[in-house]
Protein backbone atom coordinates (compact mmCIF):
# COMPACT_ATOMS: atom_id res chain seq x y z
CA UNK A 1 0.00 0.00 0.00
CA UNK A 2 1.48 3.36 -1.00
CA UNK A 3 1.29 6.77 0.66
CA UNK A 4 -2.01 7.48 -1.09
CA UNK A 5 -3.92 5.99 1.84
CA UNK A 6 -3.60 7.28 5.38
CA UNK A 7 -4.81 4.67 7.84
CA UNK A 8 -6.94 5.98 10.69
CA UNK A 9 -8.82 4.38 13.55
CA UNK A 10 -9.60 0.70 14.00
CA UNK A 11 -13.30 0.14 13.27
CA UNK A 12 -13.66 -3.52 14.16
CA UNK A 13 -11.65 -6.64 14.95
CA UNK A 14 -12.88 -9.86 13.35
CA UNK A 15 -11.64 -13.42 13.76
CA UNK A 16 -9.75 -13.26 10.48
CA UNK A 17 -8.61 -9.64 10.28
CA UNK A 18 -9.18 -5.99 11.19
CA UNK A 19 -11.19 -3.19 9.60
CA UNK A 20 -9.72 0.33 9.58
CA UNK A 21 -11.04 3.68 8.47
CA UNK A 22 -8.64 5.45 6.12
CA UNK A 23 -8.39 8.48 3.85
CA UNK A 24 -7.72 8.36 0.13
CA UNK A 25 -5.53 11.46 -0.14
CA UNK A 26 -5.60 11.49 -3.95
CA UNK A 27 -9.33 12.10 -4.30
CA UNK A 28 -10.12 13.15 -0.74
CA UNK A 29 -12.56 10.45 0.33
CA UNK A 30 -12.95 8.09 3.28
CA UNK A 31 -12.39 4.40 2.59
CA UNK A 32 -12.34 1.15 4.53
CA UNK A 33 -9.21 -1.02 4.65
CA UNK A 34 -9.46 -4.65 5.68
CA UNK A 35 -6.24 -6.30 6.83
CA UNK A 36 -6.33 -10.11 6.68
CA UNK A 37 -4.39 -12.31 9.05
CA UNK A 38 -1.49 -13.92 7.19
CA UNK A 39 -1.64 -17.74 6.97
CA UNK A 40 1.03 -19.38 9.12
CA UNK A 41 0.95 -22.72 7.30
CA UNK A 42 1.01 -23.80 3.68
CA UNK A 43 2.73 -22.38 0.65
CA UNK A 44 3.06 -18.59 0.48
CA UNK A 45 2.65 -18.72 -3.29
CA UNK A 46 -0.58 -20.69 -3.00
CA UNK A 47 -2.27 -18.47 -0.41
CA UNK A 48 -1.29 -15.36 -2.32
CA UNK A 49 -2.73 -16.81 -5.51
CA UNK A 50 -5.96 -17.70 -3.66
CA UNK A 51 -6.15 -14.20 -2.19
CA UNK A 52 -5.80 -12.47 -5.56
CA UNK A 53 -8.22 -14.83 -7.34
CA UNK A 54 -10.98 -14.59 -4.72
CA UNK A 55 -10.61 -10.82 -4.37
CA UNK A 56 -10.92 -10.46 -8.14
CA UNK A 57 -14.08 -12.60 -8.12
CA UNK A 58 -15.66 -10.46 -5.42
CA UNK A 59 -14.87 -7.30 -7.35
CA UNK A 60 -17.15 -8.52 -10.16
CA UNK A 61 -20.22 -8.36 -7.86
CA UNK A 62 -21.93 -5.02 -8.39
CA UNK A 63 -24.92 -3.79 -6.40
CA UNK A 64 -25.68 -0.66 -4.31
CA UNK A 65 -25.97 -2.96 -1.30
CA UNK A 66 -22.37 -4.19 -1.64
CA UNK A 67 -19.35 -2.01 -0.79
CA UNK A 68 -17.34 -1.23 -3.91
CA UNK A 69 -13.93 -2.91 -3.95
CA UNK A 70 -11.45 -0.27 -5.13
CA UNK A 71 -8.32 -2.38 -5.04
CA UNK A 72 -6.53 -5.19 -3.21
CA UNK A 73 -2.92 -6.16 -2.73
CA UNK A 74 -0.17 -7.52 -0.52
CA UNK A 75 2.51 -5.42 1.17
CA UNK A 76 4.97 -5.85 4.03
CA UNK A 77 2.09 -6.09 6.52
CA UNK A 78 0.24 -8.73 4.52
CA UNK A 79 -2.87 -8.88 2.32
CA UNK A 80 -5.42 -6.07 2.30
CA UNK A 81 -8.56 -4.94 0.52
CA UNK A 82 -9.57 -1.29 0.11
CA UNK A 83 -13.33 -0.85 -0.11
CA UNK A 84 -16.03 1.77 -0.05
CA UNK A 85 -16.79 3.11 3.44
CA UNK A 86 -20.58 3.14 3.63
CA UNK A 87 -22.26 5.97 5.53
CA UNK A 88 -25.01 4.03 7.26
CA UNK A 89 -26.65 3.00 10.51
CA UNK A 90 -26.06 -0.56 11.69
CA UNK A 91 -29.29 -2.59 11.68
CA UNK A 92 -28.67 -4.03 15.15
CA UNK A 93 -28.35 -0.47 16.53
CA UNK A 94 -31.61 0.49 14.84
CA UNK A 95 -33.36 -2.56 16.38
CA UNK A 96 -31.96 -1.77 19.84
CA UNK A 97 -33.09 1.86 19.67
CA UNK A 98 -36.48 1.55 17.96
CA UNK A 99 -37.56 -2.07 18.30
CA UNK A 100 -38.41 -4.65 15.60
CA UNK A 101 -39.06 -3.65 12.00
CA UNK A 102 -42.62 -3.36 10.79
CA UNK A 103 -43.99 -5.99 8.42
CA UNK A 104 -43.44 -3.67 5.44
CA UNK A 105 -39.90 -2.84 6.57
CA UNK A 106 -39.21 -6.56 6.89
CA UNK A 107 -40.44 -7.04 3.33
CA UNK A 108 -38.11 -4.25 2.14
CA UNK A 109 -35.17 -5.89 3.91
CA UNK A 110 -35.96 -9.34 2.48
CA UNK A 111 -36.45 -7.99 -1.04
CA UNK A 112 -33.15 -6.13 -1.01
CA UNK A 113 -31.18 -9.01 0.52
CA UNK A 114 -32.46 -11.30 -2.26
CA UNK A 115 -31.48 -8.71 -4.86
CA UNK A 116 -27.97 -8.53 -3.40
CA UNK A 117 -27.80 -12.33 -3.37
CA UNK A 118 -28.73 -12.49 -7.06
CA UNK A 119 -26.17 -9.80 -7.93
CA UNK A 120 -23.36 -11.56 -6.07
CA UNK A 121 -24.22 -15.12 -7.12
CA UNK A 122 -22.27 -15.04 -10.44
CA UNK A 123 -19.07 -14.39 -8.48
CA UNK A 124 -19.49 -17.82 -6.86
CA UNK A 125 -19.27 -16.41 -3.35
CA UNK A 126 -21.93 -16.79 -0.68
CA UNK A 127 -22.08 -15.06 2.68
CA UNK A 128 -23.85 -17.78 4.62
CA UNK A 129 -23.95 -15.88 7.95
CA UNK A 130 -25.76 -12.56 7.74
CA UNK A 131 -25.35 -10.74 11.03
CA UNK A 132 -27.48 -7.73 11.96
CA UNK A 133 -24.23 -6.17 13.21
CA UNK A 134 -22.97 -6.10 9.61
CA UNK A 135 -26.13 -4.94 7.86
CA UNK A 136 -26.10 -1.24 7.01
CA UNK A 137 -29.23 0.91 6.82
CA UNK A 138 -29.44 4.22 4.98
CA UNK A 139 -32.65 6.26 4.95
CA UNK A 140 -33.15 8.69 2.08
CA UNK A 141 -34.94 12.06 2.59
CA UNK A 142 -37.95 10.47 0.87
CA UNK A 143 -38.09 7.90 3.66
CA UNK A 144 -37.05 4.98 1.45
CA UNK A 145 -34.63 2.60 3.15
CA UNK A 146 -31.58 1.02 1.57
CA UNK A 147 -29.80 -1.96 3.13
CA UNK A 148 -26.24 -3.13 2.56
CA UNK A 149 -24.01 -6.02 3.65
CA UNK A 150 -20.92 -4.35 5.05
CA UNK A 151 -18.71 -7.47 5.40
CA UNK A 152 -19.65 -9.34 2.22
CA UNK A 153 -16.90 -11.67 0.98
CA UNK A 154 -14.30 -10.96 3.67
CA UNK A 155 -14.63 -14.35 5.40
CA UNK A 156 -14.61 -16.19 2.06
CA UNK A 157 -11.31 -14.57 1.04
CA UNK A 158 -9.81 -15.63 4.38
CA UNK A 159 -11.10 -19.20 4.08
CA UNK A 160 -9.59 -19.65 0.64
CA UNK A 161 -6.30 -18.11 1.72
CA UNK A 162 -6.10 -20.54 4.63
CA UNK A 163 -7.40 -23.41 2.47
CA UNK A 164 -10.11 -24.48 4.88
CA UNK A 165 -13.88 -24.32 5.25
CA UNK A 166 -13.92 -23.30 8.91
CA UNK A 167 -16.99 -21.33 9.87
CA UNK A 168 -16.04 -17.76 10.79
CA UNK A 169 -18.83 -16.05 12.70
CA UNK A 170 -21.24 -16.23 15.62
CA UNK A 171 -22.24 -19.89 16.29
CA UNK A 172 -25.96 -19.10 16.31
CA UNK A 173 -25.78 -17.87 12.70
CA UNK A 174 -24.44 -21.12 11.31
CA UNK A 175 -26.45 -22.97 8.64
CA UNK A 176 -26.92 -26.77 8.89
CA UNK A 177 -24.53 -27.58 6.02
CA UNK A 178 -21.87 -25.26 7.42
CA UNK A 179 -22.32 -27.00 10.77
CA UNK A 180 -21.29 -30.21 9.00
CA UNK A 181 -18.07 -28.57 7.79
CA UNK A 182 -19.26 -27.84 4.27
CA UNK A 183 -18.65 -24.45 2.59
CA UNK A 184 -21.49 -21.95 2.25
CA UNK A 185 -23.64 -22.34 -0.86
CA UNK A 186 -26.81 -20.84 -2.31
CA UNK A 187 -28.98 -22.68 0.22
CA UNK A 188 -26.81 -21.29 3.02
CA UNK A 189 -27.40 -17.80 1.65
CA UNK A 190 -31.20 -18.24 1.70
CA UNK A 191 -30.99 -19.65 5.23
CA UNK A 192 -28.94 -16.62 6.25
CA UNK A 193 -31.50 -14.22 4.78
CA UNK A 194 -34.32 -16.07 6.52
CA UNK A 195 -32.74 -15.89 9.97
CA UNK A 196 -31.88 -12.20 9.43
CA UNK A 197 -35.52 -11.38 8.61
CA UNK A 198 -36.69 -13.29 11.69
CA UNK A 199 -34.24 -11.32 13.82
CA UNK A 200 -35.40 -7.99 12.35
CA UNK A 201 -39.12 -8.74 12.81
CA UNK A 202 -38.89 -10.42 16.22
CA UNK A 203 -36.21 -8.16 17.69
CA UNK A 204 -33.92 -11.06 18.51
CA UNK A 205 -32.37 -14.15 16.98
CA UNK A 206 -34.18 -17.49 17.46
CA UNK A 207 -31.00 -19.40 18.37
CA UNK A 208 -29.00 -16.80 20.29
CA UNK A 209 -29.42 -18.55 23.66
CA UNK A 210 -29.12 -22.08 22.29
CA UNK A 211 -25.93 -23.97 23.14
CA UNK A 212 -23.51 -24.85 20.33
C-alpha atoms as a PDB file:
ATOM      1  CA  UNK A   1       0.000   0.000   0.000  1.00  0.00           C
ATOM      2  CA  UNK A   2       1.480   3.360  -1.003  1.00  0.00           C
ATOM      3  CA  UNK A   3       1.286   6.770   0.659  1.00  0.00           C
ATOM      4  CA  UNK A   4      -2.007   7.483  -1.094  1.00  0.00           C
ATOM      5  CA  UNK A   5      -3.924   5.986   1.836  1.00  0.00           C
ATOM      6  CA  UNK A   6      -3.604   7.282   5.384  1.00  0.00           C
ATOM      7  CA  UNK A   7      -4.812   4.665   7.841  1.00  0.00           C
ATOM      8  CA  UNK A   8      -6.939   5.982  10.686  1.00  0.00           C
ATOM      9  CA  UNK A   9      -8.819   4.379  13.548  1.00  0.00           C
ATOM     10  CA  UNK A  10      -9.595   0.699  14.000  1.00  0.00           C
ATOM     11  CA  UNK A  11     -13.296   0.143  13.268  1.00  0.00           C
ATOM     12  CA  UNK A  12     -13.661  -3.525  14.155  1.00  0.00           C
ATOM     13  CA  UNK A  13     -11.645  -6.644  14.945  1.00  0.00           C
ATOM     14  CA  UNK A  14     -12.880  -9.861  13.350  1.00  0.00           C
ATOM     15  CA  UNK A  15     -11.643 -13.423  13.765  1.00  0.00           C
ATOM     16  CA  UNK A  16      -9.746 -13.264  10.478  1.00  0.00           C
ATOM     17  CA  UNK A  17      -8.611  -9.641  10.280  1.00  0.00           C
ATOM     18  CA  UNK A  18      -9.179  -5.995  11.192  1.00  0.00           C
ATOM     19  CA  UNK A  19     -11.190  -3.188   9.596  1.00  0.00           C
ATOM     20  CA  UNK A  20      -9.725   0.331   9.578  1.00  0.00           C
ATOM     21  CA  UNK A  21     -11.043   3.677   8.474  1.00  0.00           C
ATOM     22  CA  UNK A  22      -8.642   5.454   6.116  1.00  0.00           C
ATOM     23  CA  UNK A  23      -8.389   8.478   3.847  1.00  0.00           C
ATOM     24  CA  UNK A  24      -7.716   8.364   0.130  1.00  0.00           C
ATOM     25  CA  UNK A  25      -5.526  11.464  -0.142  1.00  0.00           C
ATOM     26  CA  UNK A  26      -5.601  11.492  -3.946  1.00  0.00           C
ATOM     27  CA  UNK A  27      -9.334  12.095  -4.298  1.00  0.00           C
ATOM     28  CA  UNK A  28     -10.123  13.146  -0.738  1.00  0.00           C
ATOM     29  CA  UNK A  29     -12.561  10.447   0.329  1.00  0.00           C
ATOM     30  CA  UNK A  30     -12.945   8.095   3.280  1.00  0.00           C
ATOM     31  CA  UNK A  31     -12.393   4.396   2.594  1.00  0.00           C
ATOM     32  CA  UNK A  32     -12.339   1.149   4.525  1.00  0.00           C
ATOM     33  CA  UNK A  33      -9.210  -1.017   4.653  1.00  0.00           C
ATOM     34  CA  UNK A  34      -9.458  -4.652   5.677  1.00  0.00           C
ATOM     35  CA  UNK A  35      -6.245  -6.302   6.830  1.00  0.00           C
ATOM     36  CA  UNK A  36      -6.335 -10.109   6.677  1.00  0.00           C
ATOM     37  CA  UNK A  37      -4.391 -12.315   9.054  1.00  0.00           C
ATOM     38  CA  UNK A  38      -1.489 -13.919   7.186  1.00  0.00           C
ATOM     39  CA  UNK A  39      -1.643 -17.740   6.969  1.00  0.00           C
ATOM     40  CA  UNK A  40       1.031 -19.384   9.117  1.00  0.00           C
ATOM     41  CA  UNK A  41       0.951 -22.720   7.299  1.00  0.00           C
ATOM     42  CA  UNK A  42       1.010 -23.802   3.682  1.00  0.00           C
ATOM     43  CA  UNK A  43       2.732 -22.379   0.652  1.00  0.00           C
ATOM     44  CA  UNK A  44       3.057 -18.591   0.482  1.00  0.00           C
ATOM     45  CA  UNK A  45       2.655 -18.717  -3.290  1.00  0.00           C
ATOM     46  CA  UNK A  46      -0.582 -20.695  -3.001  1.00  0.00           C
ATOM     47  CA  UNK A  47      -2.269 -18.471  -0.406  1.00  0.00           C
ATOM     48  CA  UNK A  48      -1.289 -15.358  -2.324  1.00  0.00           C
ATOM     49  CA  UNK A  49      -2.734 -16.813  -5.509  1.00  0.00           C
ATOM     50  CA  UNK A  50      -5.964 -17.699  -3.663  1.00  0.00           C
ATOM     51  CA  UNK A  51      -6.154 -14.198  -2.194  1.00  0.00           C
ATOM     52  CA  UNK A  52      -5.802 -12.467  -5.556  1.00  0.00           C
ATOM     53  CA  UNK A  53      -8.216 -14.833  -7.341  1.00  0.00           C
ATOM     54  CA  UNK A  54     -10.982 -14.591  -4.724  1.00  0.00           C
ATOM     55  CA  UNK A  55     -10.608 -10.818  -4.369  1.00  0.00           C
ATOM     56  CA  UNK A  56     -10.922 -10.458  -8.145  1.00  0.00           C
ATOM     57  CA  UNK A  57     -14.076 -12.601  -8.119  1.00  0.00           C
ATOM     58  CA  UNK A  58     -15.658 -10.456  -5.417  1.00  0.00           C
ATOM     59  CA  UNK A  59     -14.873  -7.297  -7.354  1.00  0.00           C
ATOM     60  CA  UNK A  60     -17.154  -8.524 -10.161  1.00  0.00           C
ATOM     61  CA  UNK A  61     -20.217  -8.361  -7.863  1.00  0.00           C
ATOM     62  CA  UNK A  62     -21.931  -5.024  -8.393  1.00  0.00           C
ATOM     63  CA  UNK A  63     -24.921  -3.795  -6.399  1.00  0.00           C
ATOM     64  CA  UNK A  64     -25.680  -0.661  -4.314  1.00  0.00           C
ATOM     65  CA  UNK A  65     -25.970  -2.960  -1.296  1.00  0.00           C
ATOM     66  CA  UNK A  66     -22.371  -4.186  -1.640  1.00  0.00           C
ATOM     67  CA  UNK A  67     -19.352  -2.015  -0.786  1.00  0.00           C
ATOM     68  CA  UNK A  68     -17.337  -1.234  -3.908  1.00  0.00           C
ATOM     69  CA  UNK A  69     -13.926  -2.910  -3.946  1.00  0.00           C
ATOM     70  CA  UNK A  70     -11.452  -0.272  -5.128  1.00  0.00           C
ATOM     71  CA  UNK A  71      -8.318  -2.381  -5.036  1.00  0.00           C
ATOM     72  CA  UNK A  72      -6.532  -5.185  -3.210  1.00  0.00           C
ATOM     73  CA  UNK A  73      -2.921  -6.159  -2.725  1.00  0.00           C
ATOM     74  CA  UNK A  74      -0.174  -7.521  -0.517  1.00  0.00           C
ATOM     75  CA  UNK A  75       2.509  -5.415   1.173  1.00  0.00           C
ATOM     76  CA  UNK A  76       4.967  -5.853   4.028  1.00  0.00           C
ATOM     77  CA  UNK A  77       2.091  -6.086   6.524  1.00  0.00           C
ATOM     78  CA  UNK A  78       0.245  -8.726   4.519  1.00  0.00           C
ATOM     79  CA  UNK A  79      -2.873  -8.884   2.316  1.00  0.00           C
ATOM     80  CA  UNK A  80      -5.419  -6.074   2.299  1.00  0.00           C
ATOM     81  CA  UNK A  81      -8.563  -4.938   0.523  1.00  0.00           C
ATOM     82  CA  UNK A  82      -9.574  -1.292   0.108  1.00  0.00           C
ATOM     83  CA  UNK A  83     -13.325  -0.851  -0.107  1.00  0.00           C
ATOM     84  CA  UNK A  84     -16.031   1.768  -0.046  1.00  0.00           C
ATOM     85  CA  UNK A  85     -16.791   3.106   3.436  1.00  0.00           C
ATOM     86  CA  UNK A  86     -20.580   3.139   3.630  1.00  0.00           C
ATOM     87  CA  UNK A  87     -22.264   5.966   5.525  1.00  0.00           C
ATOM     88  CA  UNK A  88     -25.008   4.034   7.257  1.00  0.00           C
ATOM     89  CA  UNK A  89     -26.652   3.001  10.510  1.00  0.00           C
ATOM     90  CA  UNK A  90     -26.062  -0.565  11.691  1.00  0.00           C
ATOM     91  CA  UNK A  91     -29.290  -2.585  11.677  1.00  0.00           C
ATOM     92  CA  UNK A  92     -28.665  -4.026  15.149  1.00  0.00           C
ATOM     93  CA  UNK A  93     -28.349  -0.474  16.535  1.00  0.00           C
ATOM     94  CA  UNK A  94     -31.611   0.485  14.837  1.00  0.00           C
ATOM     95  CA  UNK A  95     -33.360  -2.556  16.385  1.00  0.00           C
ATOM     96  CA  UNK A  96     -31.961  -1.766  19.837  1.00  0.00           C
ATOM     97  CA  UNK A  97     -33.090   1.864  19.670  1.00  0.00           C
ATOM     98  CA  UNK A  98     -36.483   1.552  17.962  1.00  0.00           C
ATOM     99  CA  UNK A  99     -37.558  -2.066  18.300  1.00  0.00           C
ATOM    100  CA  UNK A 100     -38.405  -4.645  15.601  1.00  0.00           C
ATOM    101  CA  UNK A 101     -39.056  -3.652  11.999  1.00  0.00           C
ATOM    102  CA  UNK A 102     -42.624  -3.360  10.792  1.00  0.00           C
ATOM    103  CA  UNK A 103     -43.991  -5.992   8.417  1.00  0.00           C
ATOM    104  CA  UNK A 104     -43.436  -3.670   5.440  1.00  0.00           C
ATOM    105  CA  UNK A 105     -39.897  -2.837   6.566  1.00  0.00           C
ATOM    106  CA  UNK A 106     -39.206  -6.561   6.891  1.00  0.00           C
ATOM    107  CA  UNK A 107     -40.444  -7.042   3.327  1.00  0.00           C
ATOM    108  CA  UNK A 108     -38.111  -4.252   2.145  1.00  0.00           C
ATOM    109  CA  UNK A 109     -35.173  -5.894   3.908  1.00  0.00           C
ATOM    110  CA  UNK A 110     -35.964  -9.344   2.478  1.00  0.00           C
ATOM    111  CA  UNK A 111     -36.448  -7.992  -1.043  1.00  0.00           C
ATOM    112  CA  UNK A 112     -33.145  -6.127  -1.006  1.00  0.00           C
ATOM    113  CA  UNK A 113     -31.184  -9.012   0.520  1.00  0.00           C
ATOM    114  CA  UNK A 114     -32.462 -11.302  -2.257  1.00  0.00           C
ATOM    115  CA  UNK A 115     -31.478  -8.709  -4.858  1.00  0.00           C
ATOM    116  CA  UNK A 116     -27.972  -8.528  -3.405  1.00  0.00           C
ATOM    117  CA  UNK A 117     -27.801 -12.330  -3.372  1.00  0.00           C
ATOM    118  CA  UNK A 118     -28.728 -12.485  -7.065  1.00  0.00           C
ATOM    119  CA  UNK A 119     -26.175  -9.797  -7.926  1.00  0.00           C
ATOM    120  CA  UNK A 120     -23.360 -11.561  -6.066  1.00  0.00           C
ATOM    121  CA  UNK A 121     -24.222 -15.124  -7.119  1.00  0.00           C
ATOM    122  CA  UNK A 122     -22.275 -15.041 -10.444  1.00  0.00           C
ATOM    123  CA  UNK A 123     -19.067 -14.395  -8.481  1.00  0.00           C
ATOM    124  CA  UNK A 124     -19.487 -17.816  -6.863  1.00  0.00           C
ATOM    125  CA  UNK A 125     -19.274 -16.413  -3.353  1.00  0.00           C
ATOM    126  CA  UNK A 126     -21.932 -16.793  -0.678  1.00  0.00           C
ATOM    127  CA  UNK A 127     -22.082 -15.065   2.677  1.00  0.00           C
ATOM    128  CA  UNK A 128     -23.846 -17.777   4.625  1.00  0.00           C
ATOM    129  CA  UNK A 129     -23.952 -15.885   7.946  1.00  0.00           C
ATOM    130  CA  UNK A 130     -25.758 -12.556   7.740  1.00  0.00           C
ATOM    131  CA  UNK A 131     -25.353 -10.745  11.035  1.00  0.00           C
ATOM    132  CA  UNK A 132     -27.476  -7.725  11.959  1.00  0.00           C
ATOM    133  CA  UNK A 133     -24.228  -6.165  13.208  1.00  0.00           C
ATOM    134  CA  UNK A 134     -22.972  -6.097   9.608  1.00  0.00           C
ATOM    135  CA  UNK A 135     -26.128  -4.942   7.856  1.00  0.00           C
ATOM    136  CA  UNK A 136     -26.100  -1.244   7.012  1.00  0.00           C
ATOM    137  CA  UNK A 137     -29.233   0.907   6.820  1.00  0.00           C
ATOM    138  CA  UNK A 138     -29.441   4.218   4.984  1.00  0.00           C
ATOM    139  CA  UNK A 139     -32.652   6.263   4.951  1.00  0.00           C
ATOM    140  CA  UNK A 140     -33.146   8.690   2.081  1.00  0.00           C
ATOM    141  CA  UNK A 141     -34.942  12.062   2.592  1.00  0.00           C
ATOM    142  CA  UNK A 142     -37.953  10.469   0.867  1.00  0.00           C
ATOM    143  CA  UNK A 143     -38.092   7.904   3.656  1.00  0.00           C
ATOM    144  CA  UNK A 144     -37.049   4.981   1.449  1.00  0.00           C
ATOM    145  CA  UNK A 145     -34.632   2.598   3.146  1.00  0.00           C
ATOM    146  CA  UNK A 146     -31.581   1.016   1.566  1.00  0.00           C
ATOM    147  CA  UNK A 147     -29.803  -1.957   3.130  1.00  0.00           C
ATOM    148  CA  UNK A 148     -26.243  -3.134   2.564  1.00  0.00           C
ATOM    149  CA  UNK A 149     -24.009  -6.025   3.649  1.00  0.00           C
ATOM    150  CA  UNK A 150     -20.917  -4.350   5.049  1.00  0.00           C
ATOM    151  CA  UNK A 151     -18.708  -7.469   5.396  1.00  0.00           C
ATOM    152  CA  UNK A 152     -19.648  -9.337   2.219  1.00  0.00           C
ATOM    153  CA  UNK A 153     -16.900 -11.666   0.984  1.00  0.00           C
ATOM    154  CA  UNK A 154     -14.303 -10.962   3.673  1.00  0.00           C
ATOM    155  CA  UNK A 155     -14.629 -14.346   5.396  1.00  0.00           C
ATOM    156  CA  UNK A 156     -14.610 -16.186   2.062  1.00  0.00           C
ATOM    157  CA  UNK A 157     -11.310 -14.572   1.045  1.00  0.00           C
ATOM    158  CA  UNK A 158      -9.808 -15.629   4.378  1.00  0.00           C
ATOM    159  CA  UNK A 159     -11.103 -19.204   4.083  1.00  0.00           C
ATOM    160  CA  UNK A 160      -9.586 -19.654   0.641  1.00  0.00           C
ATOM    161  CA  UNK A 161      -6.305 -18.110   1.720  1.00  0.00           C
ATOM    162  CA  UNK A 162      -6.102 -20.537   4.633  1.00  0.00           C
ATOM    163  CA  UNK A 163      -7.402 -23.414   2.472  1.00  0.00           C
ATOM    164  CA  UNK A 164     -10.114 -24.483   4.880  1.00  0.00           C
ATOM    165  CA  UNK A 165     -13.875 -24.316   5.246  1.00  0.00           C
ATOM    166  CA  UNK A 166     -13.920 -23.301   8.914  1.00  0.00           C
ATOM    167  CA  UNK A 167     -16.991 -21.335   9.874  1.00  0.00           C
ATOM    168  CA  UNK A 168     -16.039 -17.760  10.789  1.00  0.00           C
ATOM    169  CA  UNK A 169     -18.833 -16.052  12.702  1.00  0.00           C
ATOM    170  CA  UNK A 170     -21.236 -16.231  15.624  1.00  0.00           C
ATOM    171  CA  UNK A 171     -22.238 -19.885  16.287  1.00  0.00           C
ATOM    172  CA  UNK A 172     -25.963 -19.097  16.314  1.00  0.00           C
ATOM    173  CA  UNK A 173     -25.776 -17.871  12.705  1.00  0.00           C
ATOM    174  CA  UNK A 174     -24.445 -21.125  11.305  1.00  0.00           C
ATOM    175  CA  UNK A 175     -26.449 -22.974   8.640  1.00  0.00           C
ATOM    176  CA  UNK A 176     -26.918 -26.773   8.892  1.00  0.00           C
ATOM    177  CA  UNK A 177     -24.531 -27.576   6.022  1.00  0.00           C
ATOM    178  CA  UNK A 178     -21.866 -25.262   7.422  1.00  0.00           C
ATOM    179  CA  UNK A 179     -22.323 -26.997  10.766  1.00  0.00           C
ATOM    180  CA  UNK A 180     -21.286 -30.207   8.997  1.00  0.00           C
ATOM    181  CA  UNK A 181     -18.074 -28.567   7.791  1.00  0.00           C
ATOM    182  CA  UNK A 182     -19.260 -27.837   4.265  1.00  0.00           C
ATOM    183  CA  UNK A 183     -18.647 -24.453   2.587  1.00  0.00           C
ATOM    184  CA  UNK A 184     -21.487 -21.949   2.253  1.00  0.00           C
ATOM    185  CA  UNK A 185     -23.637 -22.336  -0.865  1.00  0.00           C
ATOM    186  CA  UNK A 186     -26.807 -20.837  -2.312  1.00  0.00           C
ATOM    187  CA  UNK A 187     -28.983 -22.682   0.216  1.00  0.00           C
ATOM    188  CA  UNK A 188     -26.812 -21.288   3.021  1.00  0.00           C
ATOM    189  CA  UNK A 189     -27.404 -17.798   1.655  1.00  0.00           C
ATOM    190  CA  UNK A 190     -31.197 -18.239   1.698  1.00  0.00           C
ATOM    191  CA  UNK A 191     -30.993 -19.647   5.226  1.00  0.00           C
ATOM    192  CA  UNK A 192     -28.939 -16.618   6.254  1.00  0.00           C
ATOM    193  CA  UNK A 193     -31.499 -14.221   4.775  1.00  0.00           C
ATOM    194  CA  UNK A 194     -34.319 -16.072   6.524  1.00  0.00           C
ATOM    195  CA  UNK A 195     -32.743 -15.892   9.972  1.00  0.00           C
ATOM    196  CA  UNK A 196     -31.878 -12.205   9.435  1.00  0.00           C
ATOM    197  CA  UNK A 197     -35.518 -11.381   8.608  1.00  0.00           C
ATOM    198  CA  UNK A 198     -36.694 -13.294  11.693  1.00  0.00           C
ATOM    199  CA  UNK A 199     -34.240 -11.319  13.823  1.00  0.00           C
ATOM    200  CA  UNK A 200     -35.397  -7.990  12.354  1.00  0.00           C
ATOM    201  CA  UNK A 201     -39.120  -8.745  12.811  1.00  0.00           C
ATOM    202  CA  UNK A 202     -38.892 -10.422  16.223  1.00  0.00           C
ATOM    203  CA  UNK A 203     -36.214  -8.158  17.687  1.00  0.00           C
ATOM    204  CA  UNK A 204     -33.923 -11.059  18.515  1.00  0.00           C
ATOM    205  CA  UNK A 205     -32.367 -14.148  16.980  1.00  0.00           C
ATOM    206  CA  UNK A 206     -34.182 -17.492  17.462  1.00  0.00           C
ATOM    207  CA  UNK A 207     -31.004 -19.402  18.371  1.00  0.00           C
ATOM    208  CA  UNK A 208     -29.002 -16.798  20.288  1.00  0.00           C
ATOM    209  CA  UNK A 209     -29.424 -18.550  23.661  1.00  0.00           C
ATOM    210  CA  UNK A 210     -29.116 -22.080  22.288  1.00  0.00           C
ATOM    211  CA  UNK A 211     -25.926 -23.965  23.137  1.00  0.00           C
ATOM    212  CA  UNK A 212     -23.512 -24.851  20.333  1.00  0.00           C
END
